[in-house]
Each structure stands twice: as C-alpha cells, then as structure tokens.
Amino acid sequence: MKYLTSVICWFLINSTMAQKGSTGMFQNSIDIGNPKNAGSSFYNNADQSYSIKGSGYNIWFARDEFHYLFNTIEGDFIMTANFRFAGKGANTHRKTGWMIRGSEKEDASHISATIHGDGLTMLQWRSADGAEMRDPEDQIAATGKTYDVIQIERAGKTITMRAAQNGRPFEVIGSHEMENLSGKVLAGLFICSHDPEVIEEARVWNVRIDK
C-alpha cells in the first residue's frame, strides 16, 4: 500500500509540473507568432534529450512564427547543445538552434544561433522590436556546413556564436552587439518549419546553460 501511495504521489507531482509547462530544465514551451500548426516540446529523462516540434512561415522580415522552449535569464551566460533534425524535412530552410529574445511578441528583437535543414549555419538577428530583418546585413554565415554542436554566449551587450563538428574544436562564427538584449531576456531552444502547413522536429541533447 505504501508503494502504491508513493507511485500515486509521484504521478500527481509530475502531472502538476507538466501542467505548469516545464520541460526538463526549461520553464516555458510556447508558440510565438500564432503559427497555423501548434508546436510542442518533450523531455526524455532516460537520455536527457529534448524533442521540439514546430511550424511557422519563418523567423524573418518584421515578425516570426516558431516554437520556443525557454527560460528567463539575467546576467552573462553560455548555452551549448547538440542539434539534429528528424527526417529529410519538407523545406531546406527549416531552422533550429538557440535564441535570445526580448519578449514573447512576434516582432520582438532577438538574436539566434541557427542551423538550417541544408546545413547552412548562421548568427541572425532583429536589432529592434518591429524592425525588418535584412539579408545580408543582419546575419553572419559560417564558412562550413553541417555542424553538430551549437553554442551562444552573452557577455554584456555582445552575443557570440560558436559551432563545432563532432570531434573538432569550436569555431567562432561571429559576434554582434545587441543594445536592447543586455538585461533580462528569454533564452532557449527554437524550431521553425519555414512552411506554415508543416510541422518539423529536432532532437537536442547535451544541453547546458552555464552562468
């Protein structure tokens, strides 16, 4: 009877946590920009990996649509993880990675360490709320492709992206100063399908947030 009571208590506690929206180390799992198809996040405790699914037309121009798994963070930090898309994907421009964002608004300022479905790897940003993201002014592209580990660091106003292929050292992809992302920010994992009709999925593991 004691064992049964313990199991029931464990179930109730974990159900309550799930209702609050926590997923692994992250406290918030939401869609930004009201995409046509809802996204989701799942934490696998057995291997400490995350599965994130999301839709959305893009993260570009003056507004975004994507799924976001994040915490609110202050001070300097480094976020690191391995990323891998599930399947071949419907659009080569599907994207996942780390994002630092000013708010949950669809047109919020943000900067993201991004890998695309075709292996393109970039640091991309919107400098102010409602600003139009520009190509190539608002991005820095890696010289290589198909990176396995993505890292983003905030030190004051400066955001730096690094990336590595398995068994190789990190490469600095680029740095950019974000004047309005130096205080309390949203920071975490994202996925966008680059097609409002499609839901894409990525697996993320070895996730670390170091302050």
Protein backbone atom coordinates (compact mmCIF):
# COMPACT_ATOMS: atom_id res chain seq x y z
CA MET A 1 0.00 0.00 0.00
CA LYS A 2 2.89 2.36 0.84
CA TYR A 3 4.41 1.69 -2.58
CA LEU A 4 1.09 2.38 -4.33
CA THR A 5 0.66 5.62 -2.39
CA SER A 6 4.18 6.73 -3.35
CA VAL A 7 3.53 6.00 -7.02
CA ILE A 8 0.28 7.98 -6.94
CA CYS A 9 2.01 10.93 -5.24
CA TRP A 10 4.84 10.85 -7.79
CA PHE A 11 2.29 10.83 -10.62
CA LEU A 12 0.36 13.77 -9.16
CA ILE A 13 3.51 15.82 -8.58
CA ASN A 14 4.78 15.24 -12.13
CA SER A 15 1.34 15.90 -13.62
CA THR A 16 1.24 19.24 -11.80
CA MET A 17 4.68 20.13 -13.15
CA ALA A 18 3.58 19.24 -16.67
CA GLN A 19 0.52 21.48 -16.36
CA LYS A 20 2.78 24.38 -15.42
CA GLY A 21 4.58 23.91 -18.75
CA SER A 22 8.07 22.96 -17.51
CA THR A 23 10.03 20.71 -19.86
CA GLY A 24 13.31 19.43 -18.45
CA MET A 25 15.38 22.45 -17.39
CA PHE A 26 13.11 24.87 -19.29
CA GLN A 27 10.12 26.59 -17.70
CA ASN A 28 8.25 27.74 -20.82
CA SER A 29 7.17 25.95 -24.01
CA ILE A 30 5.09 28.15 -26.32
CA ASP A 31 4.40 29.11 -29.92
CA ILE A 32 5.49 32.59 -30.95
CA GLY A 33 3.50 34.44 -33.61
CA ASN A 34 0.46 32.14 -33.65
CA PRO A 35 1.60 29.64 -36.34
CA LYS A 36 -1.13 27.66 -38.12
CA ASN A 37 0.03 24.36 -36.59
CA ALA A 38 0.83 24.20 -32.88
CA GLY A 39 4.29 23.10 -31.76
CA SER A 40 5.32 21.06 -28.73
CA SER A 41 8.29 20.06 -26.58
CA PHE A 42 9.16 16.81 -24.83
CA TYR A 43 11.95 15.93 -22.40
CA ASN A 44 13.26 12.35 -22.34
CA ASN A 45 14.60 11.79 -18.85
CA ALA A 46 16.26 8.49 -19.84
CA ASP A 47 18.85 10.12 -22.11
CA GLN A 48 18.29 13.75 -21.04
CA SER A 49 17.40 14.84 -24.57
CA TYR A 50 14.71 17.18 -25.89
CA SER A 51 12.36 16.77 -28.83
CA ILE A 52 10.99 20.06 -30.15
CA LYS A 53 8.35 20.30 -32.87
CA GLY A 54 7.15 23.42 -34.57
CA SER A 55 5.63 25.05 -37.62
CA GLY A 56 5.74 28.68 -38.80
CA TYR A 57 6.23 30.61 -42.01
CA ASN A 58 9.68 31.90 -40.98
CA ILE A 59 11.78 33.82 -38.46
CA TRP A 60 12.45 36.83 -40.66
CA PHE A 61 11.11 40.15 -42.01
CA ALA A 62 9.26 42.07 -39.24
CA ARG A 63 7.56 39.13 -37.47
CA ASP A 64 8.21 35.50 -36.54
CA GLU A 65 6.38 32.18 -36.24
CA PHE A 66 8.04 29.28 -34.41
CA HIS A 67 8.02 27.06 -31.32
CA TYR A 68 10.13 28.21 -28.37
CA LEU A 69 11.39 26.34 -25.29
CA PHE A 70 12.98 28.88 -22.94
CA ASN A 71 13.82 30.38 -19.56
CA THR A 72 14.05 33.99 -18.44
CA ILE A 73 17.71 34.76 -17.67
CA GLU A 74 19.69 37.70 -16.31
CA GLY A 75 23.44 38.28 -16.44
CA ASP A 76 26.06 36.67 -18.66
CA PHE A 77 25.62 33.07 -19.79
CA ILE A 78 26.67 30.39 -22.28
CA MET A 79 24.23 27.90 -23.84
CA THR A 80 25.53 24.78 -25.60
CA ALA A 81 23.86 21.73 -27.19
CA ASN A 82 23.91 19.13 -29.95
CA PHE A 83 21.19 19.52 -32.60
CA ARG A 84 19.83 17.11 -35.21
CA PHE A 85 16.76 17.40 -37.43
CA ALA A 86 14.36 14.46 -37.69
CA GLY A 87 13.89 13.13 -41.22
CA LYS A 88 14.61 14.80 -44.55
CA GLY A 89 12.21 17.70 -43.97
CA ALA A 90 9.79 19.45 -46.30
CA ASN A 91 11.82 22.65 -46.70
CA THR A 92 15.59 23.03 -46.74
CA HIS A 93 15.19 26.35 -44.91
CA ARG A 94 13.72 24.76 -41.77
CA LYS A 95 15.75 26.01 -38.83
CA THR A 96 16.59 25.22 -35.23
CA GLY A 97 19.13 26.37 -32.65
CA TRP A 98 19.49 28.74 -29.71
CA MET A 99 17.63 32.05 -29.46
CA ILE A 100 17.94 35.06 -27.14
CA ARG A 101 14.78 37.18 -27.35
CA GLY A 102 13.47 40.39 -25.81
CA SER A 103 9.88 39.21 -25.31
CA GLU A 104 7.18 36.80 -26.49
CA LYS A 105 5.93 39.34 -29.05
CA GLU A 106 6.06 38.15 -32.66
CA ASP A 107 8.10 41.19 -33.72
CA ALA A 108 10.48 41.23 -30.72
CA SER A 109 14.18 41.89 -31.07
CA HIS A 110 16.22 38.68 -30.97
CA ILE A 111 19.43 37.00 -31.97
CA SER A 112 19.75 33.33 -32.83
CA ALA A 113 22.49 30.78 -33.42
CA THR A 114 20.81 28.92 -36.26
CA ILE A 115 21.30 25.76 -38.28
CA HIS A 116 19.15 25.18 -41.37
CA GLY A 117 17.91 21.97 -42.96
CA ASP A 118 20.51 22.22 -45.72
CA GLY A 119 23.35 22.65 -43.20
CA LEU A 120 23.63 26.43 -43.55
CA THR A 121 24.79 27.78 -40.16
CA MET A 122 24.36 31.44 -39.19
CA LEU A 123 24.14 34.07 -36.50
CA GLN A 124 20.96 36.07 -37.29
CA TRP A 125 19.24 38.97 -35.53
CA ARG A 126 16.50 41.59 -35.40
CA SER A 127 18.06 44.70 -33.91
CA ALA A 128 14.85 46.28 -32.52
CA ASP A 129 11.19 45.43 -31.98
CA GLY A 130 9.32 45.55 -35.29
CA ALA A 131 12.48 46.02 -37.38
CA GLU A 132 12.79 44.30 -40.75
CA MET A 133 15.49 41.62 -40.77
CA ARG A 134 17.75 42.19 -43.76
CA ASP A 135 19.83 39.89 -45.92
CA PRO A 136 22.84 40.03 -45.64
CA GLU A 137 23.09 42.93 -43.16
CA ASP A 138 21.53 41.10 -40.21
CA GLN A 139 23.40 37.82 -40.33
CA ILE A 140 26.85 36.24 -40.24
CA ALA A 141 27.34 32.94 -42.06
CA ALA A 142 29.71 30.14 -41.07
CA THR A 143 32.32 29.11 -43.61
CA GLY A 144 31.41 25.44 -43.19
CA LYS A 145 28.20 23.42 -43.02
CA THR A 146 26.59 20.58 -41.06
CA TYR A 147 27.75 21.47 -37.56
CA ASP A 148 26.73 19.18 -34.71
CA VAL A 149 27.22 21.43 -31.67
CA ILE A 150 25.92 24.99 -31.42
CA GLN A 151 26.84 27.49 -28.72
CA ILE A 152 25.75 31.05 -27.99
CA GLU A 153 27.24 33.33 -25.33
CA ARG A 154 26.10 36.65 -23.90
CA ALA A 155 28.73 38.88 -22.31
CA GLY A 156 27.13 42.25 -21.59
CA LYS A 157 25.80 43.52 -24.92
CA THR A 158 27.94 41.19 -27.00
CA ILE A 159 26.47 37.94 -28.34
CA THR A 160 28.91 35.38 -29.75
CA MET A 161 28.09 32.22 -31.70
CA ARG A 162 30.37 29.19 -31.90
CA ALA A 163 29.84 25.87 -33.66
CA ALA A 164 31.68 22.56 -33.88
CA GLN A 165 31.57 19.36 -35.86
CA ASN A 166 31.86 16.13 -33.86
CA GLY A 167 35.44 15.56 -32.70
CA ARG A 168 36.60 19.03 -33.75
CA PRO A 169 37.13 22.25 -31.76
CA PHE A 170 34.66 25.12 -31.70
CA GLU A 171 34.82 27.73 -34.45
CA VAL A 172 33.77 31.31 -33.78
CA ILE A 173 31.02 32.03 -36.31
CA GLY A 174 30.64 35.66 -35.31
CA SER A 175 29.71 38.27 -32.71
CA HIS A 176 27.21 41.10 -32.66
CA GLU A 177 26.27 43.77 -30.12
CA MET A 178 22.57 43.86 -29.16
CA GLU A 179 21.89 47.09 -27.27
CA ASN A 180 18.43 46.04 -26.04
CA LEU A 181 19.29 42.44 -25.10
CA SER A 182 21.70 43.13 -22.25
CA GLY A 183 19.20 42.89 -19.35
CA LYS A 184 16.61 40.25 -18.53
CA VAL A 185 15.91 38.15 -21.65
CA LEU A 186 14.23 34.98 -22.85
CA ALA A 187 16.77 32.34 -23.84
CA GLY A 188 16.36 28.79 -25.13
CA LEU A 189 15.73 26.36 -27.98
CA PHE A 190 13.62 27.03 -31.06
CA ILE A 191 12.36 25.35 -34.22
CA CYS A 192 10.65 26.77 -37.32
CA SER A 193 9.49 24.68 -40.28
CA HIS A 194 9.64 27.57 -42.81
CA ASP A 195 6.29 26.28 -44.06
CA PRO A 196 3.04 27.09 -42.19
CA GLU A 197 1.46 23.83 -43.38
CA VAL A 198 4.22 21.60 -41.99
CA ILE A 199 5.49 20.61 -38.54
CA GLU A 200 9.20 19.85 -38.29
CA GLU A 201 11.08 18.17 -35.44
CA ALA A 202 14.59 18.36 -33.99
CA ARG A 203 16.33 16.34 -31.29
CA VAL A 204 18.57 18.29 -28.90
CA TRP A 205 20.94 16.76 -26.33
CA ASN A 206 23.97 17.57 -24.17
CA VAL A 207 22.05 20.74 -23.28
CA ARG A 208 23.91 23.11 -20.94
CA ILE A 209 23.21 26.61 -19.69
CA ASP A 210 26.21 27.98 -17.79
CA LYS A 211 26.06 31.26 -15.89
